[in-house]
Amino acid sequence: MTLDEFQTALHTSYEGNTSTPTSSDAEYTVRTELLKASINAWDNEPGILWNELWTNLADAADGDKTINASDLDYDMPTDFRFLGSWVRTYTTDGNETYWQVFTAERAAMDENRDPKACFVTGNKKAGFDLHFLAQPTASDTLEYPYYKEPFEPSSGSDVIEMSDPYFCVYHSLAKLHEQDGDGDRANLAIATANQHMQNMRIRNDMAPNLNPNPVDNPTNLKSGFGFGK
């Protein structure tokens, strides 16, 4: 569902007609802000990490992806939140090196004992950086899985990335009815939104058909197996 499609679905449910506001209308701007609020509510749903927000450095719009000859420090993507597993560097012929991820405090203590490691510093304001304790091989490709910030559509063709964007439609509809002082319709809309949220939670935890979902073997984790591998 694109931002324009969201606007159409929301307007039809709210007004009961198809005279959807255009991007130059104040209503369009207000409802885009309601969409962003609903994305934030989805993003902060307690006790869950959404599959849609896991990604890899290779798919990021920015962030350093190639090792330089004398650099230990690398910019991370602007939508970065936290790493999902080991960091790896690999050559053009596929030879891989795995780097364990330490906290900054542990890195200060283990720098001389375990150089095949790295750590992250930074925040949303300053940006995040990845620091290696030893120099990786120059020209190797850098890769890691990470959990990202949700995308907020701003252009009409931008796509809402959650699996069921009708959660956004009904969450926003509830806010419009609430602003109108129509508590009954607001309650009905938020109940529908909550059902869409529950369905997304169920699907988020499902393994593919005929595939088991066992607890990871600790030996595999220590060997570098994990998300994105």
C-alpha atoms as a PDB file:
ATOM      1  CA  MET A   1       0.000   0.000   0.000  1.00  0.00           C
ATOM      2  CA  THR A   2       1.395   3.387  -1.036  1.00  0.00           C
ATOM      3  CA  LEU A   3       0.859   6.655   0.791  1.00  0.00           C
ATOM      4  CA  ASP A   4      -1.719   7.690  -1.833  1.00  0.00           C
ATOM      5  CA  GLU A   5      -3.542   4.366  -1.441  1.00  0.00           C
ATOM      6  CA  PHE A   6      -3.533   4.846   2.323  1.00  0.00           C
ATOM      7  CA  GLN A   7      -5.051   8.293   1.862  1.00  0.00           C
ATOM      8  CA  THR A   8      -7.805   6.835  -0.335  1.00  0.00           C
ATOM      9  CA  ALA A   9      -8.616   3.989   2.061  1.00  0.00           C
ATOM     10  CA  LEU A  10      -8.672   6.302   5.073  1.00  0.00           C
ATOM     11  CA  HIS A  11     -10.804   8.956   3.366  1.00  0.00           C
ATOM     12  CA  THR A  12     -13.325   6.408   2.094  1.00  0.00           C
ATOM     13  CA  SER A  13     -13.723   4.903   5.558  1.00  0.00           C
ATOM     14  CA  TYR A  14     -13.955   8.306   7.228  1.00  0.00           C
ATOM     15  CA  GLU A  15     -16.050  10.349   4.803  1.00  0.00           C
ATOM     16  CA  GLY A  16     -17.850   7.640   2.854  1.00  0.00           C
ATOM     17  CA  ASN A  17     -16.905   9.060  -0.556  1.00  0.00           C
ATOM     18  CA  THR A  18     -13.994   8.974  -2.996  1.00  0.00           C
ATOM     19  CA  SER A  19     -13.116  12.676  -2.992  1.00  0.00           C
ATOM     20  CA  THR A  20      -9.710  11.960  -1.485  1.00  0.00           C
ATOM     21  CA  PRO A  21      -7.592  15.027  -0.637  1.00  0.00           C
ATOM     22  CA  THR A  22      -4.573  15.669  -2.854  1.00  0.00           C
ATOM     23  CA  SER A  23      -1.019  16.187  -1.650  1.00  0.00           C
ATOM     24  CA  SER A  24      -1.526  19.981  -1.668  1.00  0.00           C
ATOM     25  CA  ASP A  25      -4.460  19.797   0.761  1.00  0.00           C
ATOM     26  CA  ALA A  26      -4.121  20.311   4.504  1.00  0.00           C
ATOM     27  CA  GLU A  27      -6.117  17.126   5.168  1.00  0.00           C
ATOM     28  CA  TYR A  28      -3.532  15.106   3.222  1.00  0.00           C
ATOM     29  CA  THR A  29      -0.728  16.494   5.388  1.00  0.00           C
ATOM     30  CA  VAL A  30      -2.615  15.868   8.622  1.00  0.00           C
ATOM     31  CA  ARG A  31      -3.423  12.297   7.633  1.00  0.00           C
ATOM     32  CA  THR A  32       0.185  11.666   6.611  1.00  0.00           C
ATOM     33  CA  GLU A  33       1.173  12.667  10.138  1.00  0.00           C
ATOM     34  CA  LEU A  34      -1.440  10.251  11.503  1.00  0.00           C
ATOM     35  CA  LEU A  35       0.137   7.562   9.341  1.00  0.00           C
ATOM     36  CA  LYS A  36       3.533   8.289  10.870  1.00  0.00           C
ATOM     37  CA  ALA A  37       1.997   8.030  14.354  1.00  0.00           C
ATOM     38  CA  SER A  38       0.500   4.653  13.480  1.00  0.00           C
ATOM     39  CA  ILE A  39       3.868   3.435  12.148  1.00  0.00           C
ATOM     40  CA  ASN A  40       5.407   4.513  15.445  1.00  0.00           C
ATOM     41  CA  ALA A  41       2.727   2.568  17.353  1.00  0.00           C
ATOM     42  CA  TRP A  42       3.486  -0.527  15.241  1.00  0.00           C
ATOM     43  CA  ASP A  43       7.225  -0.062  15.671  1.00  0.00           C
ATOM     44  CA  ASN A  44       6.883   0.129  19.455  1.00  0.00           C
ATOM     45  CA  GLU A  45       4.478  -2.778  19.892  1.00  0.00           C
ATOM     46  CA  PRO A  46       5.744  -4.414  23.132  1.00  0.00           C
ATOM     47  CA  GLY A  47       7.667  -7.664  23.069  1.00  0.00           C
ATOM     48  CA  ILE A  48       8.261  -8.043  19.341  1.00  0.00           C
ATOM     49  CA  LEU A  49      10.911  -7.387  16.701  1.00  0.00           C
ATOM     50  CA  TRP A  50       9.307  -7.097  13.285  1.00  0.00           C
ATOM     51  CA  ASN A  51      10.719  -9.179  10.441  1.00  0.00           C
ATOM     52  CA  GLU A  52      10.248  -6.220   8.102  1.00  0.00           C
ATOM     53  CA  LEU A  53      12.762  -4.178  10.084  1.00  0.00           C
ATOM     54  CA  TRP A  54      15.600  -6.711   9.786  1.00  0.00           C
ATOM     55  CA  THR A  55      17.920  -5.940   6.884  1.00  0.00           C
ATOM     56  CA  ASN A  56      21.550  -6.189   5.777  1.00  0.00           C
ATOM     57  CA  LEU A  57      24.230  -3.611   5.111  1.00  0.00           C
ATOM     58  CA  ALA A  58      24.296  -4.627   1.433  1.00  0.00           C
ATOM     59  CA  ASP A  59      20.696  -3.416   1.063  1.00  0.00           C
ATOM     60  CA  ALA A  60      21.196  -0.145   2.948  1.00  0.00           C
ATOM     61  CA  ALA A  61      21.054   3.177   1.138  1.00  0.00           C
ATOM     62  CA  ASP A  62      24.211   4.378   2.889  1.00  0.00           C
ATOM     63  CA  GLY A  63      26.921   3.206   5.274  1.00  0.00           C
ATOM     64  CA  ASP A  64      30.492   2.101   4.473  1.00  0.00           C
ATOM     65  CA  LYS A  65      30.582  -1.241   2.663  1.00  0.00           C
ATOM     66  CA  THR A  66      34.253  -1.625   1.670  1.00  0.00           C
ATOM     67  CA  ILE A  67      37.328  -1.984   3.873  1.00  0.00           C
ATOM     68  CA  ASN A  68      40.004   0.668   3.439  1.00  0.00           C
ATOM     69  CA  ALA A  69      43.702  -0.053   3.867  1.00  0.00           C
ATOM     70  CA  SER A  70      44.290   1.891   7.084  1.00  0.00           C
ATOM     71  CA  ASP A  71      40.818   2.409   8.576  1.00  0.00           C
ATOM     72  CA  LEU A  72      39.491   0.749  11.724  1.00  0.00           C
ATOM     73  CA  ASP A  73      36.335   2.902  11.874  1.00  0.00           C
ATOM     74  CA  TYR A  74      33.354   2.751   9.498  1.00  0.00           C
ATOM     75  CA  ASP A  75      30.112   4.703   9.156  1.00  0.00           C
ATOM     76  CA  MET A  76      26.944   2.669   9.657  1.00  0.00           C
ATOM     77  CA  PRO A  77      23.601   3.272   7.851  1.00  0.00           C
ATOM     78  CA  THR A  78      21.528   6.224   9.008  1.00  0.00           C
ATOM     79  CA  ASP A  79      18.572   3.914   9.757  1.00  0.00           C
ATOM     80  CA  PHE A  80      20.712   1.616  11.970  1.00  0.00           C
ATOM     81  CA  ARG A  81      19.485   0.587  15.427  1.00  0.00           C
ATOM     82  CA  PHE A  82      21.426  -2.512  16.506  1.00  0.00           C
ATOM     83  CA  LEU A  83      23.325  -5.443  15.052  1.00  0.00           C
ATOM     84  CA  GLY A  84      21.646  -8.807  14.569  1.00  0.00           C
ATOM     85  CA  SER A  85      24.682 -11.106  14.622  1.00  0.00           C
ATOM     86  CA  TRP A  86      28.389 -11.272  13.871  1.00  0.00           C
ATOM     87  CA  VAL A  87      30.049  -8.803  11.519  1.00  0.00           C
ATOM     88  CA  ARG A  88      31.849 -10.370   8.588  1.00  0.00           C
ATOM     89  CA  THR A  89      34.294  -9.299   5.899  1.00  0.00           C
ATOM     90  CA  TYR A  90      34.766 -11.294   2.734  1.00  0.00           C
ATOM     91  CA  THR A  91      36.918 -11.341  -0.374  1.00  0.00           C
ATOM     92  CA  THR A  92      35.778 -11.445  -4.003  1.00  0.00           C
ATOM     93  CA  ASP A  93      36.372 -15.225  -4.057  1.00  0.00           C
ATOM     94  CA  GLY A  94      34.149 -15.754  -1.011  1.00  0.00           C
ATOM     95  CA  ASN A  95      36.693 -16.190   1.800  1.00  0.00           C
ATOM     96  CA  GLU A  96      35.063 -14.880   4.971  1.00  0.00           C
ATOM     97  CA  THR A  97      36.296 -13.537   8.288  1.00  0.00           C
ATOM     98  CA  TYR A  98      33.893 -13.297  11.227  1.00  0.00           C
ATOM     99  CA  TRP A  99      34.231 -10.556  13.813  1.00  0.00           C
ATOM    100  CA  GLN A 100      32.645 -10.959  17.218  1.00  0.00           C
ATOM    101  CA  VAL A 101      30.713  -7.923  18.457  1.00  0.00           C
ATOM    102  CA  PHE A 102      31.768  -6.534  21.848  1.00  0.00           C
ATOM    103  CA  THR A 103      30.423  -3.713  23.927  1.00  0.00           C
ATOM    104  CA  ALA A 104      32.676  -0.652  23.971  1.00  0.00           C
ATOM    105  CA  GLU A 105      33.639  -1.433  27.572  1.00  0.00           C
ATOM    106  CA  ARG A 106      34.639  -4.992  26.788  1.00  0.00           C
ATOM    107  CA  ALA A 107      36.528  -3.890  23.702  1.00  0.00           C
ATOM    108  CA  ALA A 108      38.720  -1.672  25.865  1.00  0.00           C
ATOM    109  CA  MET A 109      39.640  -4.684  28.011  1.00  0.00           C
ATOM    110  CA  ASP A 110      39.988  -7.302  25.252  1.00  0.00           C
ATOM    111  CA  GLU A 111      41.769  -5.303  22.564  1.00  0.00           C
ATOM    112  CA  ASN A 112      45.065  -7.181  22.891  1.00  0.00           C
ATOM    113  CA  ARG A 113      43.620 -10.616  23.656  1.00  0.00           C
ATOM    114  CA  ASP A 114      40.920 -11.004  21.002  1.00  0.00           C
ATOM    115  CA  PRO A 115      41.561  -8.732  18.021  1.00  0.00           C
ATOM    116  CA  LYS A 116      38.988 -10.473  15.768  1.00  0.00           C
ATOM    117  CA  ALA A 117      36.268  -8.325  17.257  1.00  0.00           C
ATOM    118  CA  CYS A 118      34.512  -5.020  16.769  1.00  0.00           C
ATOM    119  CA  PHE A 119      32.161  -2.692  18.618  1.00  0.00           C
ATOM    120  CA  VAL A 120      29.583   0.014  17.905  1.00  0.00           C
ATOM    121  CA  THR A 121      29.430   3.585  19.187  1.00  0.00           C
ATOM    122  CA  GLY A 122      27.103   6.488  18.480  1.00  0.00           C
ATOM    123  CA  ASN A 123      23.476   7.550  18.603  1.00  0.00           C
ATOM    124  CA  LYS A 124      20.695   8.802  16.312  1.00  0.00           C
ATOM    125  CA  LYS A 125      21.892  12.405  16.467  1.00  0.00           C
ATOM    126  CA  ALA A 126      25.593  11.833  15.796  1.00  0.00           C
ATOM    127  CA  GLY A 127      25.259   8.641  13.761  1.00  0.00           C
ATOM    128  CA  PHE A 128      26.626   5.169  14.495  1.00  0.00           C
ATOM    129  CA  ASP A 129      30.139   3.886  13.803  1.00  0.00           C
ATOM    130  CA  LEU A 130      31.601   0.394  13.656  1.00  0.00           C
ATOM    131  CA  HIS A 131      35.121   0.036  15.114  1.00  0.00           C
ATOM    132  CA  PHE A 132      37.447  -2.925  14.487  1.00  0.00           C
ATOM    133  CA  LEU A 133      40.064  -3.956  17.039  1.00  0.00           C
ATOM    134  CA  ALA A 134      42.382  -5.143  14.264  1.00  0.00           C
ATOM    135  CA  GLN A 135      42.800  -3.992  10.673  1.00  0.00           C
ATOM    136  CA  PRO A 136      40.585  -5.980   8.268  1.00  0.00           C
ATOM    137  CA  THR A 137      41.974  -6.851   4.853  1.00  0.00           C
ATOM    138  CA  ALA A 138      41.880  -3.905   2.454  1.00  0.00           C
ATOM    139  CA  SER A 139      39.243  -4.045  -0.313  1.00  0.00           C
ATOM    140  CA  ASP A 140      37.228  -6.748   1.481  1.00  0.00           C
ATOM    141  CA  THR A 141      33.468  -6.253   1.507  1.00  0.00           C
ATOM    142  CA  LEU A 142      31.894  -5.420   4.865  1.00  0.00           C
ATOM    143  CA  GLU A 143      28.572  -7.031   5.752  1.00  0.00           C
ATOM    144  CA  TYR A 144      26.294  -7.415   8.779  1.00  0.00           C
ATOM    145  CA  PRO A 145      22.594  -7.859   9.574  1.00  0.00           C
ATOM    146  CA  TYR A 146      20.935  -5.102  11.550  1.00  0.00           C
ATOM    147  CA  TYR A 147      17.595  -3.927  12.903  1.00  0.00           C
ATOM    148  CA  LYS A 148      16.577  -0.633  11.344  1.00  0.00           C
ATOM    149  CA  GLU A 149      14.327   2.344  11.874  1.00  0.00           C
ATOM    150  CA  PRO A 150      10.931   2.042  10.140  1.00  0.00           C
ATOM    151  CA  PHE A 151      10.450   3.898   6.870  1.00  0.00           C
ATOM    152  CA  GLU A 152       8.020   6.840   6.969  1.00  0.00           C
ATOM    153  CA  PRO A 153       6.384   7.550   3.580  1.00  0.00           C
ATOM    154  CA  SER A 154       6.379  11.164   2.446  1.00  0.00           C
ATOM    155  CA  SER A 155       5.737  10.898  -1.299  1.00  0.00           C
ATOM    156  CA  GLY A 156       2.503   9.527  -2.725  1.00  0.00           C
ATOM    157  CA  SER A 157       4.226   6.521  -4.343  1.00  0.00           C
ATOM    158  CA  ASP A 158       6.173   5.567  -1.194  1.00  0.00           C
ATOM    159  CA  VAL A 159       5.193   2.114   0.097  1.00  0.00           C
ATOM    160  CA  ILE A 160       4.288   1.353   3.716  1.00  0.00           C
ATOM    161  CA  GLU A 161       6.633  -1.482   4.665  1.00  0.00           C
ATOM    162  CA  MET A 162       4.619  -3.287   7.367  1.00  0.00           C
ATOM    163  CA  SER A 163       2.926  -6.537   6.338  1.00  0.00           C
ATOM    164  CA  ASP A 164      -0.618  -5.263   6.987  1.00  0.00           C
ATOM    165  CA  PRO A 165      -0.879  -1.506   6.361  1.00  0.00           C
ATOM    166  CA  TYR A 166      -4.609  -1.577   7.130  1.00  0.00           C
ATOM    167  CA  PHE A 167      -3.476  -1.347  10.744  1.00  0.00           C
ATOM    168  CA  CYS A 168      -2.394   2.205   9.826  1.00  0.00           C
ATOM    169  CA  VAL A 169      -5.730   2.920   8.162  1.00  0.00           C
ATOM    170  CA  TYR A 170      -7.801   1.932  11.193  1.00  0.00           C
ATOM    171  CA  HIS A 171      -5.370   3.384  13.742  1.00  0.00           C
ATOM    172  CA  SER A 172      -5.538   6.719  11.898  1.00  0.00           C
ATOM    173  CA  LEU A 173      -9.308   6.434  11.516  1.00  0.00           C
ATOM    174  CA  ALA A 174      -9.638   6.028  15.279  1.00  0.00           C
ATOM    175  CA  LYS A 175      -7.666   9.242  15.795  1.00  0.00           C
ATOM    176  CA  LEU A 176      -9.910  11.153  13.363  1.00  0.00           C
ATOM    177  CA  HIS A 177     -13.058   9.966  15.158  1.00  0.00           C
ATOM    178  CA  GLU A 178     -11.445  10.774  18.504  1.00  0.00           C
ATOM    179  CA  GLN A 179     -10.758  14.328  17.327  1.00  0.00           C
ATOM    180  CA  ASP A 180     -14.410  14.570  16.304  1.00  0.00           C
ATOM    181  CA  GLY A 181     -15.509  13.521  19.792  1.00  0.00           C
ATOM    182  CA  ASP A 182     -17.100  10.357  18.390  1.00  0.00           C
ATOM    183  CA  GLY A 183     -16.013   7.846  21.013  1.00  0.00           C
ATOM    184  CA  ASP A 184     -18.080   4.912  19.728  1.00  0.00           C
ATOM    185  CA  ARG A 185     -16.605   5.068  16.240  1.00  0.00           C
ATOM    186  CA  ALA A 186     -13.138   5.655  17.645  1.00  0.00           C
ATOM    187  CA  ASN A 187     -13.434   2.551  19.834  1.00  0.00           C
ATOM    188  CA  LEU A 188     -14.670   0.455  16.893  1.00  0.00           C
ATOM    189  CA  ALA A 189     -11.790   1.629  14.695  1.00  0.00           C
ATOM    190  CA  ILE A 190      -9.122   0.986  17.323  1.00  0.00           C
ATOM    191  CA  ALA A 191     -10.556  -2.485  17.992  1.00  0.00           C
ATOM    192  CA  THR A 192     -10.227  -3.244  14.273  1.00  0.00           C
ATOM    193  CA  ALA A 193      -6.693  -1.837  14.271  1.00  0.00           C
ATOM    194  CA  ASN A 194      -5.806  -4.063  17.231  1.00  0.00           C
ATOM    195  CA  GLN A 195      -7.074  -7.119  15.350  1.00  0.00           C
ATOM    196  CA  HIS A 196      -4.818  -6.274  12.414  1.00  0.00           C
ATOM    197  CA  MET A 197      -1.941  -5.867  14.882  1.00  0.00           C
ATOM    198  CA  GLN A 198      -2.648  -9.268  16.408  1.00  0.00           C
ATOM    199  CA  ASN A 199      -2.675 -10.881  12.973  1.00  0.00           C
ATOM    200  CA  MET A 200       0.695  -9.323  12.187  1.00  0.00           C
ATOM    201  CA  ARG A 201       2.122 -10.615  15.468  1.00  0.00           C
ATOM    202  CA  ILE A 202       0.994 -14.156  14.630  1.00  0.00           C
ATOM    203  CA  ARG A 203       2.440 -14.051  11.125  1.00  0.00           C
ATOM    204  CA  ASN A 204       5.679 -12.515  12.390  1.00  0.00           C
ATOM    205  CA  ASP A 205       6.353 -15.588  14.556  1.00  0.00           C
ATOM    206  CA  MET A 206       5.386 -18.200  11.961  1.00  0.00           C
ATOM    207  CA  ALA A 207       8.016 -20.461  10.424  1.00  0.00           C
ATOM    208  CA  PRO A 208       7.596 -21.323   6.714  1.00  0.00           C
ATOM    209  CA  ASN A 209       5.292 -24.262   6.060  1.00  0.00           C
ATOM    210  CA  LEU A 210       6.851 -27.663   6.875  1.00  0.00           C
ATOM    211  CA  ASN A 211       9.876 -25.989   8.461  1.00  0.00           C
ATOM    212  CA  PRO A 212      10.667 -26.500  12.166  1.00  0.00           C
ATOM    213  CA  ASN A 213      11.376 -23.588  14.474  1.00  0.00           C
ATOM    214  CA  PRO A 214      13.729 -25.119  17.073  1.00  0.00           C
ATOM    215  CA  VAL A 215      15.866 -23.359  19.658  1.00  0.00           C
ATOM    216  CA  ASP A 216      19.313 -22.576  18.219  1.00  0.00           C
ATOM    217  CA  ASN A 217      22.167 -24.922  19.050  1.00  0.00           C
ATOM    218  CA  PRO A 218      24.622 -22.981  21.260  1.00  0.00           C
ATOM    219  CA  THR A 219      27.513 -24.588  19.350  1.00  0.00           C
ATOM    220  CA  ASN A 220      26.266 -23.077  16.106  1.00  0.00           C
ATOM    221  CA  LEU A 221      25.980 -19.659  17.721  1.00  0.00           C
ATOM    222  CA  LYS A 222      29.571 -19.837  18.957  1.00  0.00           C
ATOM    223  CA  SER A 223      30.667 -20.891  15.475  1.00  0.00           C
ATOM    224  CA  GLY A 224      29.258 -17.744  13.936  1.00  0.00           C
ATOM    225  CA  PHE A 225      25.889 -18.970  12.685  1.00  0.00           C
ATOM    226  CA  GLY A 226      23.057 -16.502  13.192  1.00  0.00           C
ATOM    227  CA  PHE A 227      20.758 -14.036  11.493  1.00  0.00           C
ATOM    228  CA  GLY A 228      21.688 -13.259   7.935  1.00  0.00           C
ATOM    229  CA  LYS A 229      23.883 -16.369   7.442  1.00  0.00           C
END
